[in-house]
Amino acid sequence: MFYMFQSKCLENCPCDEPKNWRSQSISLTHLEEVEINNFRGRDREMDLVTVALRWAPRLKTMTIK
């Protein structure tokens, strides 16, 4: 049998993703309410809100001040 190995990952390969909290996936299945104080809308704060919405399918209320 002949196997051909790639020396480089293909585009969008999972091993090429950054290893930070933005690329992680966790489950917050019981989270229903979130309150964020002192929100300024900076990049990291917006990213946090975005991933929180993705990770918490039962989220009913999000208060941002």
C-alpha atoms as a PDB file:
ATOM      1  CA  MET A   1       0.000   0.000   0.000  1.00  0.00           C
ATOM      2  CA  PHE A   2       1.197   3.483  -0.822  1.00  0.00           C
ATOM      3  CA  TYR A   3       0.286   6.454   1.383  1.00  0.00           C
ATOM      4  CA  MET A   4       0.860  10.043   0.457  1.00  0.00           C
ATOM      5  CA  PHE A   5       1.414  12.429   3.340  1.00  0.00           C
ATOM      6  CA  GLN A   6       0.894  16.156   3.208  1.00  0.00           C
ATOM      7  CA  SER A   7       3.586  18.333   4.642  1.00  0.00           C
ATOM      8  CA  LYS A   8       1.203  21.238   5.118  1.00  0.00           C
ATOM      9  CA  CYS A   9      -2.364  21.557   6.425  1.00  0.00           C
ATOM     10  CA  LEU A  10      -5.200  22.305   4.068  1.00  0.00           C
ATOM     11  CA  GLU A  11      -7.024  25.621   4.268  1.00  0.00           C
ATOM     12  CA  ASN A  12      -9.357  25.864   7.324  1.00  0.00           C
ATOM     13  CA  CYS A  13      -7.745  22.849   8.980  1.00  0.00           C
ATOM     14  CA  PRO A  14      -8.794  22.551  12.672  1.00  0.00           C
ATOM     15  CA  CYS A  15      -5.176  22.082  13.778  1.00  0.00           C
ATOM     16  CA  ASP A  16      -4.399  25.512  12.330  1.00  0.00           C
ATOM     17  CA  GLU A  17      -6.878  27.333  14.606  1.00  0.00           C
ATOM     18  CA  PRO A  18      -5.556  29.583  17.347  1.00  0.00           C
ATOM     19  CA  LYS A  19      -5.667  28.051  20.807  1.00  0.00           C
ATOM     20  CA  ASN A  20      -7.520  30.830  22.604  1.00  0.00           C
ATOM     21  CA  TRP A  21     -10.969  31.283  24.126  1.00  0.00           C
ATOM     22  CA  ARG A  22     -12.468  32.595  20.872  1.00  0.00           C
ATOM     23  CA  SER A  23     -11.877  29.267  19.133  1.00  0.00           C
ATOM     24  CA  GLN A  24     -13.056  27.124  22.056  1.00  0.00           C
ATOM     25  CA  SER A  25     -16.510  25.663  22.366  1.00  0.00           C
ATOM     26  CA  ILE A  26     -18.049  25.093  25.768  1.00  0.00           C
ATOM     27  CA  SER A  27     -21.575  24.303  26.796  1.00  0.00           C
ATOM     28  CA  LEU A  28     -23.506  26.595  29.124  1.00  0.00           C
ATOM     29  CA  THR A  29     -26.769  24.694  28.780  1.00  0.00           C
ATOM     30  CA  HIS A  30     -28.259  25.872  32.084  1.00  0.00           C
ATOM     31  CA  LEU A  31     -27.292  29.542  31.823  1.00  0.00           C
ATOM     32  CA  GLU A  32     -30.460  31.655  31.564  1.00  0.00           C
ATOM     33  CA  GLU A  33     -29.397  35.131  32.678  1.00  0.00           C
ATOM     34  CA  VAL A  34     -26.257  37.252  32.165  1.00  0.00           C
ATOM     35  CA  GLU A  35     -25.458  40.740  33.439  1.00  0.00           C
ATOM     36  CA  ILE A  36     -22.427  42.630  32.124  1.00  0.00           C
ATOM     37  CA  ASN A  37     -21.422  45.905  33.803  1.00  0.00           C
ATOM     38  CA  ASN A  38     -19.036  48.572  32.487  1.00  0.00           C
ATOM     39  CA  PHE A  39     -19.421  47.344  28.904  1.00  0.00           C
ATOM     40  CA  ARG A  40     -17.587  49.583  26.435  1.00  0.00           C
ATOM     41  CA  GLY A  41     -18.072  47.617  23.212  1.00  0.00           C
ATOM     42  CA  ARG A  42     -14.409  46.951  22.512  1.00  0.00           C
ATOM     43  CA  ASP A  43     -13.392  44.020  20.313  1.00  0.00           C
ATOM     44  CA  ARG A  44     -12.845  41.530  23.137  1.00  0.00           C
ATOM     45  CA  GLU A  45     -16.057  42.526  24.869  1.00  0.00           C
ATOM     46  CA  MET A  46     -18.050  42.088  21.655  1.00  0.00           C
ATOM     47  CA  ASP A  47     -16.383  38.713  21.076  1.00  0.00           C
ATOM     48  CA  LEU A  48     -17.362  37.617  24.582  1.00  0.00           C
ATOM     49  CA  VAL A  49     -21.007  38.544  24.004  1.00  0.00           C
ATOM     50  CA  THR A  50     -21.004  36.726  20.659  1.00  0.00           C
ATOM     51  CA  VAL A  51     -19.590  33.479  22.039  1.00  0.00           C
ATOM     52  CA  ALA A  52     -21.829  33.658  25.128  1.00  0.00           C
ATOM     53  CA  LEU A  53     -24.858  33.761  22.838  1.00  0.00           C
ATOM     54  CA  ARG A  54     -23.523  30.752  20.937  1.00  0.00           C
ATOM     55  CA  TRP A  55     -22.613  28.755  24.069  1.00  0.00           C
ATOM     56  CA  ALA A  56     -25.859  29.344  26.020  1.00  0.00           C
ATOM     57  CA  PRO A  57     -28.869  27.990  24.098  1.00  0.00           C
ATOM     58  CA  ARG A  58     -31.288  28.643  27.001  1.00  0.00           C
ATOM     59  CA  LEU A  59     -30.222  32.244  27.581  1.00  0.00           C
ATOM     60  CA  LYS A  60     -33.356  34.292  28.218  1.00  0.00           C
ATOM     61  CA  THR A  61     -31.995  37.609  29.475  1.00  0.00           C
ATOM     62  CA  MET A  62     -28.769  39.499  28.816  1.00  0.00           C
ATOM     63  CA  THR A  63     -28.385  42.861  30.526  1.00  0.00           C
ATOM     64  CA  ILE A  64     -25.520  45.054  29.356  1.00  0.00           C
ATOM     65  CA  LYS A  65     -24.703  48.303  31.134  1.00  0.00           C
END
